[in-house]
Structure formats: structure tokens, C-alpha cells
Amino acid sequence: MASKKSFIIRIDPEKLSAIEKWAADEFRSTNGQIEWILDQALRKAGRLKTKKDDENQIRKDDGKA
């Protein structure tokens, strides 16, 4: 399992309530739901490297792409 860093977040009570309901609907913890939301947003913005990105970079470095 990857190591995780703890931190405190301030969030609007209305947003937290919506996230808690969403998490319950998907059988996740609130923390798990927040992580999932962040993961999806980072991927959509192209800010999170994936395994595929790493493989493509290796091919480029080897001159195969």
C-alpha cells in the first residue's frame, strides 16, 4: 500500500454533507470518497501520472515511440 500523508482540511458543512451522502451511496468512507474525487479531478486535468504515462515515457526514451 502506498504511504499516505495526513492533513487537516476545512470544508463547508454543506459540501461535506453532500460528500458523506455520496460516499454512503457508493459504499465508501468519506475519506475514500474525497480521495476518489481528487483522483478523478487530477486525471481529468492531466496532473496525475498513470502507469500508461510511465510506459509511454520509457518507449520515448528508448526511441520506440
Protein backbone atom coordinates (compact mmCIF):
# COMPACT_ATOMS: atom_id res chain seq x y z
CA MET A 1 0.00 0.00 0.00
CA ALA A 2 1.29 3.44 -0.87
CA SER A 3 2.18 5.69 2.03
CA LYS A 4 -0.28 8.45 2.76
CA LYS A 5 0.18 11.85 4.34
CA SER A 6 -2.39 13.14 6.80
CA PHE A 7 -3.58 16.72 6.78
CA ILE A 8 -6.48 18.78 8.07
CA ILE A 9 -8.99 20.20 5.62
CA ARG A 10 -11.54 22.93 6.21
CA ILE A 11 -14.70 22.33 4.20
CA ASP A 12 -18.09 23.95 4.00
CA PRO A 13 -20.62 21.88 6.02
CA GLU A 14 -22.99 21.69 3.02
CA LYS A 15 -20.24 20.26 0.80
CA LEU A 16 -19.19 17.79 3.48
CA SER A 17 -22.77 16.62 3.90
CA ALA A 18 -23.07 16.07 0.13
CA ILE A 19 -19.77 14.14 0.07
CA GLU A 20 -20.86 12.00 3.04
CA LYS A 21 -24.12 11.10 1.29
CA TRP A 22 -22.31 10.37 -1.99
CA ALA A 23 -19.81 8.18 -0.12
CA ALA A 24 -22.60 6.24 1.59
CA ASP A 25 -24.35 5.74 -1.77
CA GLU A 26 -21.14 4.20 -3.17
CA PHE A 27 -20.21 2.22 -0.03
CA ARG A 28 -17.06 4.26 0.58
CA SER A 29 -15.80 6.12 3.62
CA THR A 30 -15.94 9.90 3.47
CA ASN A 31 -12.15 9.97 3.28
CA GLY A 32 -12.18 7.38 0.49
CA GLN A 33 -14.73 9.43 -1.43
CA ILE A 34 -12.66 12.61 -1.12
CA GLU A 35 -9.60 10.69 -2.36
CA TRP A 36 -11.61 9.32 -5.30
CA ILE A 37 -12.90 12.80 -6.20
CA LEU A 38 -9.38 14.22 -6.07
CA ASP A 39 -8.02 11.32 -8.14
CA GLN A 40 -10.66 11.83 -10.83
CA ALA A 41 -10.09 15.59 -10.96
CA LEU A 42 -6.30 15.16 -11.21
CA ARG A 43 -6.62 12.60 -14.01
CA LYS A 44 -9.09 14.77 -15.93
CA ALA A 45 -6.72 17.75 -15.66
CA GLY A 46 -3.75 15.63 -16.77
CA ARG A 47 -1.95 16.27 -13.50
CA LEU A 48 -1.68 12.69 -12.27
CA LYS A 49 0.74 10.30 -13.91
CA THR A 50 -0.59 6.86 -14.67
CA LYS A 51 1.22 3.59 -15.36
CA LYS A 52 0.44 4.09 -19.05
CA ASP A 53 2.12 7.52 -18.97
CA ASP A 54 5.22 5.94 -17.44
CA GLU A 55 5.29 3.19 -20.10
CA ASN A 56 4.93 5.75 -22.90
CA GLN A 57 7.79 7.80 -21.44
CA ILE A 58 10.01 4.71 -21.33
CA ARG A 59 9.22 4.00 -25.02
CA LYS A 60 10.02 7.60 -25.94
CA ASP A 61 13.29 7.41 -24.03
CA ASP A 62 14.15 4.18 -25.89
CA GLY A 63 13.25 5.75 -29.23
CA LYS A 64 10.37 3.34 -29.86
CA ALA A 65 7.53 5.87 -29.85
